[in-house]
């Protein structure tokens, strides 16, 4: 994860108890999802002061499934189920 940026923010010991983290994101996202697409934000506050705010981005593209992807999943799952049944 060499492209991940780490931010260090000095915080007073007395302020640690007042840190509030907020995560806002889309709970349902429909494919295709593009690489670097912003899907939300994360924010840190001490009392009411925002000390850090970052976007949440998709690291790699997620393509939309086609009908053949679903057929393949059904076949693979059925094959695993059949193998497990024969082992009993």
C-alpha atoms as a PDB file:
ATOM      1  CA  UNK A   1       0.000   0.000   0.000  1.00  0.00           C
ATOM      2  CA  UNK A   2       2.670   2.441  -1.025  1.00  0.00           C
ATOM      3  CA  UNK A   3       0.077   4.952  -2.270  1.00  0.00           C
ATOM      4  CA  UNK A   4      -1.520   5.256   1.201  1.00  0.00           C
ATOM      5  CA  UNK A   5      -0.801   8.571   2.879  1.00  0.00           C
ATOM      6  CA  UNK A   6      -0.345   8.569   6.629  1.00  0.00           C
ATOM      7  CA  UNK A   7      -0.999  11.767   8.530  1.00  0.00           C
ATOM      8  CA  UNK A   8       0.304  12.217  12.060  1.00  0.00           C
ATOM      9  CA  UNK A   9      -1.486  14.833  14.136  1.00  0.00           C
ATOM     10  CA  UNK A  10      -0.158  15.690  17.600  1.00  0.00           C
ATOM     11  CA  UNK A  11      -2.906  15.531  20.212  1.00  0.00           C
ATOM     12  CA  UNK A  12      -2.786  16.576  23.843  1.00  0.00           C
ATOM     13  CA  UNK A  13      -3.385  13.762  26.340  1.00  0.00           C
ATOM     14  CA  UNK A  14      -6.373  15.636  27.749  1.00  0.00           C
ATOM     15  CA  UNK A  15      -7.976  15.799  24.273  1.00  0.00           C
ATOM     16  CA  UNK A  16      -7.828  12.043  23.549  1.00  0.00           C
ATOM     17  CA  UNK A  17     -11.148  11.430  25.310  1.00  0.00           C
ATOM     18  CA  UNK A  18     -12.780  14.113  23.135  1.00  0.00           C
ATOM     19  CA  UNK A  19     -11.829  12.605  19.753  1.00  0.00           C
ATOM     20  CA  UNK A  20     -14.874  11.825  17.646  1.00  0.00           C
ATOM     21  CA  UNK A  21     -14.605   9.849  14.399  1.00  0.00           C
ATOM     22  CA  UNK A  22     -17.333  10.097  11.767  1.00  0.00           C
ATOM     23  CA  UNK A  23     -17.598   7.762   8.803  1.00  0.00           C
ATOM     24  CA  UNK A  24     -19.932   8.770   5.969  1.00  0.00           C
ATOM     25  CA  UNK A  25     -20.244   6.425   3.004  1.00  0.00           C
ATOM     26  CA  UNK A  26     -22.664   5.039   0.466  1.00  0.00           C
ATOM     27  CA  UNK A  27     -23.951   1.780   1.922  1.00  0.00           C
ATOM     28  CA  UNK A  28     -25.145   0.469  -1.422  1.00  0.00           C
ATOM     29  CA  UNK A  29     -23.006   1.021  -4.485  1.00  0.00           C
ATOM     30  CA  UNK A  30     -23.932  -0.367  -7.860  1.00  0.00           C
ATOM     31  CA  UNK A  31     -21.198  -1.713 -10.146  1.00  0.00           C
ATOM     32  CA  UNK A  32     -19.328  -0.788 -12.193  1.00  0.00           C
ATOM     33  CA  UNK A  33     -17.234   1.151  -9.702  1.00  0.00           C
ATOM     34  CA  UNK A  34     -14.278   3.052 -11.092  1.00  0.00           C
ATOM     35  CA  UNK A  35     -10.771   3.050  -9.654  1.00  0.00           C
ATOM     36  CA  UNK A  36     -10.283   6.072  -7.345  1.00  0.00           C
ATOM     37  CA  UNK A  37     -14.062   6.715  -7.211  1.00  0.00           C
ATOM     38  CA  UNK A  38     -14.922   8.518  -3.972  1.00  0.00           C
ATOM     39  CA  UNK A  39     -17.530   6.602  -1.979  1.00  0.00           C
ATOM     40  CA  UNK A  40     -17.419   8.506   1.285  1.00  0.00           C
ATOM     41  CA  UNK A  41     -15.420  10.426   3.860  1.00  0.00           C
ATOM     42  CA  UNK A  42     -13.859   9.879   7.267  1.00  0.00           C
ATOM     43  CA  UNK A  43     -13.528  12.779   9.650  1.00  0.00           C
ATOM     44  CA  UNK A  44     -11.884  13.246  13.036  1.00  0.00           C
ATOM     45  CA  UNK A  45     -12.916  16.007  15.432  1.00  0.00           C
ATOM     46  CA  UNK A  46     -11.785  17.179  18.822  1.00  0.00           C
ATOM     47  CA  UNK A  47     -14.777  18.822  20.430  1.00  0.00           C
ATOM     48  CA  UNK A  48     -16.252  20.655  17.408  1.00  0.00           C
ATOM     49  CA  UNK A  49     -12.972  21.293  15.572  1.00  0.00           C
ATOM     50  CA  UNK A  50     -12.278  19.114  12.512  1.00  0.00           C
ATOM     51  CA  UNK A  51      -8.660  17.949  12.793  1.00  0.00           C
ATOM     52  CA  UNK A  52      -8.673  15.545   9.837  1.00  0.00           C
ATOM     53  CA  UNK A  53     -10.939  14.836   6.894  1.00  0.00           C
ATOM     54  CA  UNK A  54     -10.193  12.308   4.148  1.00  0.00           C
ATOM     55  CA  UNK A  55     -12.052  10.818   1.186  1.00  0.00           C
ATOM     56  CA  UNK A  56     -12.658   7.080   1.010  1.00  0.00           C
ATOM     57  CA  UNK A  57     -11.737   5.888  -2.471  1.00  0.00           C
ATOM     58  CA  UNK A  58     -11.992   2.579  -4.287  1.00  0.00           C
ATOM     59  CA  UNK A  59      -8.503   1.116  -4.789  1.00  0.00           C
ATOM     60  CA  UNK A  60      -9.271  -0.869  -7.938  1.00  0.00           C
ATOM     61  CA  UNK A  61     -12.090  -1.059 -10.458  1.00  0.00           C
ATOM     62  CA  UNK A  62     -15.019  -3.372  -9.747  1.00  0.00           C
ATOM     63  CA  UNK A  63     -16.714  -4.341 -13.007  1.00  0.00           C
ATOM     64  CA  UNK A  64     -20.423  -5.037 -13.348  1.00  0.00           C
ATOM     65  CA  UNK A  65     -21.207  -8.760 -13.441  1.00  0.00           C
ATOM     66  CA  UNK A  66     -22.629 -10.235 -16.592  1.00  0.00           C
ATOM     67  CA  UNK A  67     -25.015 -13.215 -16.786  1.00  0.00           C
ATOM     68  CA  UNK A  68     -22.068 -15.545 -17.446  1.00  0.00           C
ATOM     69  CA  UNK A  69     -20.482 -14.533 -14.119  1.00  0.00           C
ATOM     70  CA  UNK A  70     -23.609 -15.687 -12.282  1.00  0.00           C
ATOM     71  CA  UNK A  71     -23.772 -18.960 -14.231  1.00  0.00           C
ATOM     72  CA  UNK A  72     -20.115 -19.628 -13.403  1.00  0.00           C
ATOM     73  CA  UNK A  73     -20.728 -18.952  -9.684  1.00  0.00           C
ATOM     74  CA  UNK A  74     -23.708 -21.331  -9.645  1.00  0.00           C
ATOM     75  CA  UNK A  75     -21.656 -24.042 -11.359  1.00  0.00           C
ATOM     76  CA  UNK A  76     -18.669 -23.617  -8.992  1.00  0.00           C
ATOM     77  CA  UNK A  77     -20.875 -23.606  -5.897  1.00  0.00           C
ATOM     78  CA  UNK A  78     -22.787 -26.669  -7.123  1.00  0.00           C
ATOM     79  CA  UNK A  79     -19.501 -28.465  -7.807  1.00  0.00           C
ATOM     80  CA  UNK A  80     -18.244 -27.709  -4.268  1.00  0.00           C
ATOM     81  CA  UNK A  81     -21.566 -28.864  -2.793  1.00  0.00           C
ATOM     82  CA  UNK A  82     -21.433 -32.093  -4.827  1.00  0.00           C
ATOM     83  CA  UNK A  83     -17.855 -32.801  -3.728  1.00  0.00           C
ATOM     84  CA  UNK A  84     -18.780 -32.287  -0.072  1.00  0.00           C
ATOM     85  CA  UNK A  85     -21.819 -34.547  -0.425  1.00  0.00           C
ATOM     86  CA  UNK A  86     -19.736 -37.369  -1.876  1.00  0.00           C
ATOM     87  CA  UNK A  87     -17.225 -37.189   0.981  1.00  0.00           C
ATOM     88  CA  UNK A  88     -19.851 -38.017   3.608  1.00  0.00           C
END
